[in-house]
Amino acid sequence: MRILLVEDDLSLASGIRLALKPERYTVDHLSDGHQALATLESREPLDAVILDLGLPGVDGIDVLRAARRRQNHVPVLVLTARDAVEDRITGLDAGADDYLIKPFEVAELKARLRALLRRSAGKGVSVLTCRGIELSPDTLQVAYQAQTMALSRREFTLLYEMMSHPGRVFTRETLTQLVYGWEDEVESNAIEVHIHHLRKKFFPTLIRTVRGIGYVLDADTPASTP
């Protein structure tokens, strides 16, 4: 799951990224309203945005309003020190999906983010199932044929993205963005290596290569199908 964090307090941003890392999110950070506008206008693949309101350049409310005007429906969790009822109403009316007042507990941030992602995916129960595999974003557990599987953070993220959209063909570039975000020096064959490991841990036909395009996890196909 790829999260965009827009927060100009670098210490707070660093703490949030550190807190979310064990949750297996890929977190990209921006500290400026203009950068946030450009990123949301580019339609980069994002699962959610954590948005501070008091940003330099362009206020967070204006960033949010601009994104919604352009029909960008990415879930947005607003972080702000503005705790007046009128401010919360303004944020929600501008298109925020949830609102968290600073200072906050990390556990509450994680819980609200999980709930936001569940709602946006239309899932009442946060467990994905496909081809004998069960994946829980809440508990970070993956099981195959009732056996718990040990996955790296990158493998978990890749599997989650593909199980969330069975039948969708992902290009290597899209998967790289989802799994690594804007990290520098990503090996050119990193996605292929992760897919190779997932095939070994589950079964060879788990992820199908679409030659010249990318990869797809087919839904409801028996594991033994060649």
Protein backbone atom coordinates (compact mmCIF):
# COMPACT_ATOMS: atom_id res chain seq x y z
CA MET A 1 0.00 0.00 0.00
CA ARG A 2 1.44 3.33 -1.07
CA ILE A 3 0.83 6.34 1.18
CA LEU A 4 1.67 9.97 0.41
CA LEU A 5 2.55 11.94 3.55
CA VAL A 6 2.40 15.74 3.15
CA GLU A 7 3.81 17.33 6.30
CA ASP A 8 6.20 20.29 6.66
CA ASP A 9 7.29 19.38 10.19
CA LEU A 10 10.25 17.18 9.27
CA SER A 11 10.59 15.71 12.75
CA LEU A 12 6.93 14.69 12.82
CA ALA A 13 7.11 13.37 9.26
CA SER A 14 10.14 11.26 10.13
CA GLY A 15 8.31 9.86 13.16
CA ILE A 16 5.23 8.98 11.12
CA ARG A 17 7.29 7.24 8.44
CA LEU A 18 9.14 5.28 11.10
CA ALA A 19 5.87 4.29 12.78
CA LEU A 20 4.24 3.16 9.53
CA LYS A 21 7.20 1.16 8.27
CA PRO A 22 6.35 -1.97 10.34
CA GLU A 23 2.82 -1.78 8.89
CA ARG A 24 4.36 -2.53 5.48
CA TYR A 25 3.21 0.71 3.89
CA THR A 26 5.35 2.42 1.26
CA VAL A 27 5.41 6.03 2.48
CA ASP A 28 6.52 8.94 0.28
CA HIS A 29 7.01 12.33 1.92
CA LEU A 30 6.46 15.88 0.68
CA SER A 31 6.70 19.06 2.72
CA ASP A 32 5.27 21.68 0.38
CA GLY A 33 1.76 22.40 -0.88
CA HIS A 34 2.91 23.03 -4.47
CA GLN A 35 4.65 19.64 -4.56
CA ALA A 36 1.52 17.97 -3.20
CA LEU A 37 -0.64 19.61 -5.88
CA ALA A 38 1.69 18.49 -8.65
CA THR A 39 1.81 14.92 -7.35
CA LEU A 40 -1.96 14.61 -7.02
CA GLU A 41 -2.45 16.13 -10.46
CA SER A 42 -0.05 13.57 -11.94
CA ARG A 43 -2.35 10.74 -10.81
CA GLU A 44 0.48 8.68 -9.38
CA PRO A 45 -0.81 5.38 -7.95
CA LEU A 46 -1.66 6.11 -4.31
CA ASP A 47 -3.78 4.23 -1.79
CA ALA A 48 -4.16 7.16 0.63
CA VAL A 49 -2.87 10.62 1.52
CA ILE A 50 -2.01 11.90 4.99
CA LEU A 51 -2.30 15.67 4.58
CA ASP A 52 -1.27 18.45 6.94
CA LEU A 53 -3.25 21.66 6.52
CA GLY A 54 -0.63 24.24 7.51
CA LEU A 55 1.68 23.80 4.53
CA PRO A 56 4.06 26.32 2.95
CA GLY A 57 3.28 27.39 -0.58
CA VAL A 58 -0.32 26.19 -0.79
CA ASP A 59 -2.56 25.52 2.20
CA GLY A 60 -3.63 21.92 2.68
CA ILE A 61 -7.31 22.83 2.30
CA ASP A 62 -6.58 24.31 -1.12
CA VAL A 63 -4.59 21.21 -2.08
CA LEU A 64 -7.55 19.05 -1.07
CA ARG A 65 -10.11 21.17 -2.89
CA ALA A 66 -8.03 21.20 -6.07
CA ALA A 67 -7.65 17.41 -6.00
CA ARG A 68 -11.39 16.90 -5.57
CA ARG A 69 -12.20 19.37 -8.36
CA ARG A 70 -10.05 17.24 -10.65
CA GLN A 71 -12.03 14.15 -9.62
CA ASN A 72 -9.11 12.67 -7.71
CA HIS A 73 -10.86 10.46 -5.15
CA VAL A 74 -7.82 9.12 -3.28
CA PRO A 75 -8.71 8.77 0.43
CA VAL A 76 -7.35 11.69 2.48
CA LEU A 77 -6.68 11.72 6.21
CA VAL A 78 -6.16 15.29 7.38
CA LEU A 79 -3.66 16.04 10.17
CA THR A 80 -3.92 19.47 11.74
CA ALA A 81 -3.53 21.49 14.90
CA ARG A 82 -6.67 23.42 13.97
CA ASP A 83 -9.07 21.93 16.48
CA ALA A 84 -12.08 24.25 16.21
CA VAL A 85 -15.31 22.61 15.07
CA GLU A 86 -15.52 25.05 12.17
CA ASP A 87 -12.07 24.00 10.97
CA ARG A 88 -13.04 20.31 11.04
CA ILE A 89 -16.23 21.05 9.12
CA THR A 90 -14.25 23.03 6.54
CA GLY A 91 -11.83 20.14 6.06
CA LEU A 92 -14.57 17.54 5.71
CA ASP A 93 -16.56 19.75 3.33
CA ALA A 94 -13.41 20.24 1.23
CA GLY A 95 -13.27 16.49 0.68
CA ALA A 96 -11.35 14.98 3.61
CA ASP A 97 -12.31 11.43 4.47
CA ASP A 98 -11.15 11.66 8.09
CA TYR A 99 -9.65 14.21 10.46
CA LEU A 100 -7.01 13.76 13.18
CA ILE A 101 -6.06 16.55 15.59
CA LYS A 102 -2.43 17.11 16.62
CA PRO A 103 -1.00 15.93 18.91
CA PHE A 104 -2.21 12.38 18.37
CA GLU A 105 -1.30 8.85 19.36
CA VAL A 106 0.46 6.78 16.71
CA ALA A 107 -1.89 3.88 17.43
CA GLU A 108 -4.89 6.07 16.55
CA LEU A 109 -3.24 7.23 13.32
CA LYS A 110 -2.66 3.61 12.31
CA ALA A 111 -6.22 2.61 13.19
CA ARG A 112 -7.75 5.50 11.27
CA LEU A 113 -5.56 4.78 8.26
CA ARG A 114 -6.57 1.11 8.28
CA ALA A 115 -10.25 2.06 8.50
CA LEU A 116 -9.83 4.58 5.68
CA LEU A 117 -8.24 1.97 3.41
CA ARG A 118 -10.95 -0.56 4.21
CA ARG A 119 -13.72 1.90 3.42
CA SER A 120 -12.11 3.03 0.19
CA ALA A 121 -11.78 -0.58 -0.96
CA GLY A 122 -15.40 -1.30 -0.04
CA LYS A 123 -14.36 -4.05 2.35
CA GLY A 124 -16.19 -4.58 5.61
CA VAL A 125 -13.78 -7.34 6.56
CA SER A 126 -10.12 -6.63 6.04
CA VAL A 127 -9.03 -10.00 4.66
CA LEU A 128 -8.19 -10.64 1.01
CA THR A 129 -8.61 -14.14 -0.35
CA CYS A 130 -7.51 -15.47 -3.72
CA ARG A 131 -6.38 -18.87 -4.98
CA GLY A 132 -6.05 -20.39 -1.54
CA ILE A 133 -4.18 -17.39 -0.12
CA GLU A 134 -5.52 -15.27 2.75
CA LEU A 135 -3.93 -11.88 3.41
CA SER A 136 -4.85 -9.56 6.30
CA PRO A 137 -3.61 -5.96 6.02
CA ASP A 138 -4.62 -5.38 9.65
CA THR A 139 -2.59 -8.19 11.18
CA LEU A 140 0.05 -8.33 8.40
CA GLN A 141 -0.48 -12.09 8.25
CA VAL A 142 -0.49 -14.22 5.10
CA ALA A 143 -1.61 -17.85 5.00
CA TYR A 144 -1.70 -20.42 2.22
CA GLN A 145 -3.67 -23.62 2.65
CA ALA A 146 -3.91 -22.87 6.40
CA GLN A 147 -0.13 -22.47 6.73
CA THR A 148 1.29 -19.11 7.82
CA MET A 149 3.74 -17.74 5.28
CA ALA A 150 6.75 -15.54 6.07
CA LEU A 151 7.06 -12.63 3.63
CA SER A 152 9.38 -9.66 3.51
CA ARG A 153 7.86 -6.19 3.65
CA ARG A 154 8.29 -5.73 -0.11
CA GLU A 155 6.85 -9.15 -0.90
CA PHE A 156 3.85 -8.44 1.31
CA THR A 157 3.23 -5.08 -0.38
CA LEU A 158 3.52 -6.58 -3.86
CA LEU A 159 1.17 -9.45 -3.02
CA TYR A 160 -1.32 -7.10 -1.39
CA GLU A 161 -1.47 -4.82 -4.43
CA MET A 162 -1.99 -7.72 -6.83
CA MET A 163 -4.54 -9.50 -4.62
CA SER A 164 -6.45 -6.23 -4.28
CA HIS A 165 -6.85 -6.15 -8.08
CA PRO A 166 -6.99 -9.75 -9.36
CA GLY A 167 -7.02 -9.87 -13.14
CA ARG A 168 -5.40 -6.44 -13.51
CA VAL A 169 -2.17 -6.34 -15.49
CA PHE A 170 0.47 -4.25 -13.70
CA THR A 171 3.45 -2.86 -15.55
CA ARG A 172 6.83 -3.26 -13.90
CA GLU A 173 7.02 0.53 -13.52
CA THR A 174 3.68 0.67 -11.68
CA LEU A 175 4.68 -2.12 -9.32
CA THR A 176 8.00 -0.41 -8.64
CA GLN A 177 6.18 2.79 -7.65
CA LEU A 178 3.75 0.90 -5.41
CA VAL A 179 6.41 -1.17 -3.68
CA TYR A 180 9.30 1.31 -3.50
CA GLY A 181 7.73 4.75 -3.90
CA TRP A 182 10.38 7.37 -4.63
CA GLU A 183 13.28 5.52 -3.09
CA ASP A 184 16.56 6.00 -4.94
CA GLU A 185 18.75 3.30 -6.41
CA VAL A 186 16.12 0.60 -6.88
CA GLU A 187 17.69 -2.32 -8.73
CA SER A 188 16.33 -2.67 -12.28
CA ASN A 189 15.29 -6.29 -11.66
CA ALA A 190 13.92 -5.75 -8.12
CA ILE A 191 10.30 -6.51 -9.04
CA GLU A 192 11.29 -9.65 -10.95
CA VAL A 193 13.21 -10.86 -7.91
CA HIS A 194 10.22 -10.32 -5.59
CA ILE A 195 7.89 -12.11 -8.01
CA HIS A 196 10.35 -15.00 -8.25
CA HIS A 197 10.38 -15.31 -4.45
CA LEU A 198 6.56 -15.21 -4.24
CA ARG A 199 6.26 -17.93 -6.85
CA LYS A 200 8.70 -20.09 -4.90
CA LYS A 201 6.91 -19.52 -1.59
CA PHE A 202 3.43 -20.22 -2.97
CA PHE A 203 3.30 -21.86 -6.40
CA PRO A 204 4.81 -21.16 -9.85
CA THR A 205 1.60 -19.98 -11.49
CA LEU A 206 0.69 -17.50 -8.74
CA ILE A 207 1.71 -14.49 -10.86
CA ARG A 208 1.54 -14.72 -14.63
CA THR A 209 3.92 -12.81 -16.87
CA VAL A 210 2.16 -10.90 -19.66
CA ARG A 211 4.94 -10.69 -22.18
CA GLY A 212 5.88 -7.16 -23.14
CA ILE A 213 3.45 -5.61 -20.65
CA GLY A 214 3.87 -6.78 -17.05
CA TYR A 215 2.36 -9.15 -14.53
CA VAL A 216 -1.08 -10.30 -13.41
CA LEU A 217 -2.49 -12.38 -10.59
CA ASP A 218 -5.39 -14.28 -12.11
CA ALA A 219 -8.48 -14.72 -9.95
CA ASP A 220 -10.07 -18.08 -9.20
CA THR A 221 -7.52 -20.13 -11.12
CA PRO A 222 -6.46 -23.39 -9.46
CA ALA A 223 -2.89 -23.41 -8.19
CA SER A 224 -2.08 -26.48 -10.27
CA THR A 225 -3.03 -24.87 -13.57
CA PRO A 226 0.05 -24.69 -15.85
